C-alpha atoms as a PDB file:
ATOM      1  CA  MET A   1       0.000   0.000   0.000  1.00  0.00           C
ATOM      2  CA  THR A   2       1.327   3.438  -0.951  1.00  0.00           C
ATOM      3  CA  ARG A   3       1.751   5.870   1.900  1.00  0.00           C
ATOM      4  CA  PHE A   4       1.734   9.611   1.511  1.00  0.00           C
ATOM      5  CA  LYS A   5       4.483  11.819   2.859  1.00  0.00           C
ATOM      6  CA  HIS A   6       3.470  13.635   6.042  1.00  0.00           C
ATOM      7  CA  ILE A   7       3.097  17.385   5.522  1.00  0.00           C
ATOM      8  CA  ASP A   8       2.116  20.161   7.882  1.00  0.00           C
ATOM      9  CA  GLU A   9      -1.256  21.837   7.737  1.00  0.00           C
ATOM     10  CA  LYS A  10       0.444  25.168   7.016  1.00  0.00           C
ATOM     11  CA  GLN A  11       2.012  23.677   3.859  1.00  0.00           C
ATOM     12  CA  VAL A  12      -1.436  22.669   2.625  1.00  0.00           C
ATOM     13  CA  THR A  13      -2.862  26.090   3.472  1.00  0.00           C
ATOM     14  CA  ARG A  14       0.057  27.831   1.746  1.00  0.00           C
ATOM     15  CA  ALA A  15      -0.473  25.733  -1.404  1.00  0.00           C
ATOM     16  CA  ILE A  16      -4.194  26.557  -1.477  1.00  0.00           C
ATOM     17  CA  VAL A  17      -3.567  30.287  -1.019  1.00  0.00           C
ATOM     18  CA  ASN A  18      -0.805  30.322  -3.648  1.00  0.00           C
ATOM     19  CA  GLY A  19      -3.106  28.593  -6.131  1.00  0.00           C
ATOM     20  CA  PHE A  20      -5.883  31.086  -5.437  1.00  0.00           C
ATOM     21  CA  THR A  21      -3.644  34.131  -5.760  1.00  0.00           C
ATOM     22  CA  SER A  22      -2.145  32.824  -8.990  1.00  0.00           C
ATOM     23  CA  ASP A  23      -5.617  32.371 -10.493  1.00  0.00           C
ATOM     24  CA  PHE A  24      -6.769  35.721  -9.100  1.00  0.00           C
ATOM     25  CA  ASN A  25      -3.808  37.565 -10.625  1.00  0.00           C
ATOM     26  CA  THR A  26      -4.684  36.087 -14.014  1.00  0.00           C
ATOM     27  CA  ILE A  27      -8.363  36.970 -13.738  1.00  0.00           C
ATOM     28  CA  ILE A  28      -7.864  40.484 -12.331  1.00  0.00           C
ATOM     29  CA  GLU A  29      -6.348  41.675 -15.615  1.00  0.00           C
ATOM     30  CA  SER A  30      -9.733  41.543 -17.349  1.00  0.00           C
ATOM     31  CA  ASP A  31     -11.048  44.574 -19.195  1.00  0.00           C
ATOM     32  CA  VAL A  32     -14.653  43.759 -18.348  1.00  0.00           C
ATOM     33  CA  ALA A  33     -16.245  42.073 -15.352  1.00  0.00           C
ATOM     34  CA  ILE A  34     -19.859  40.959 -15.598  1.00  0.00           C
ATOM     35  CA  VAL A  35     -21.460  40.323 -12.230  1.00  0.00           C
ATOM     36  CA  ALA A  36     -24.803  38.747 -12.927  1.00  0.00           C
ATOM     37  CA  GLY A  37     -26.269  35.290 -12.699  1.00  0.00           C
ATOM     38  CA  GLU A  38     -29.519  35.949 -14.467  1.00  0.00           C
ATOM     39  CA  PRO A  39     -30.070  35.159 -18.155  1.00  0.00           C
ATOM     40  CA  SER A  40     -29.055  38.633 -19.373  1.00  0.00           C
ATOM     41  CA  GLY A  41     -25.680  38.389 -17.645  1.00  0.00           C
ATOM     42  CA  LEU A  42     -25.072  34.884 -18.932  1.00  0.00           C
ATOM     43  CA  VAL A  43     -25.922  35.852 -22.503  1.00  0.00           C
ATOM     44  CA  THR A  44     -23.646  38.906 -22.297  1.00  0.00           C
ATOM     45  CA  THR A  45     -20.660  36.715 -21.477  1.00  0.00           C
ATOM     46  CA  LYS A  46     -20.917  34.766 -24.727  1.00  0.00           C
END
């Protein structure tokens, strides 16, 4: 049976936060942000 290497909880938290900030930095450079979940907002995004 394969065993996983023991890691600290702070390493997991750091990896989650780094992933989020990387994605956020990519998304934040958008020219337009549409904040709507209704049909008009969804059609606008196409």
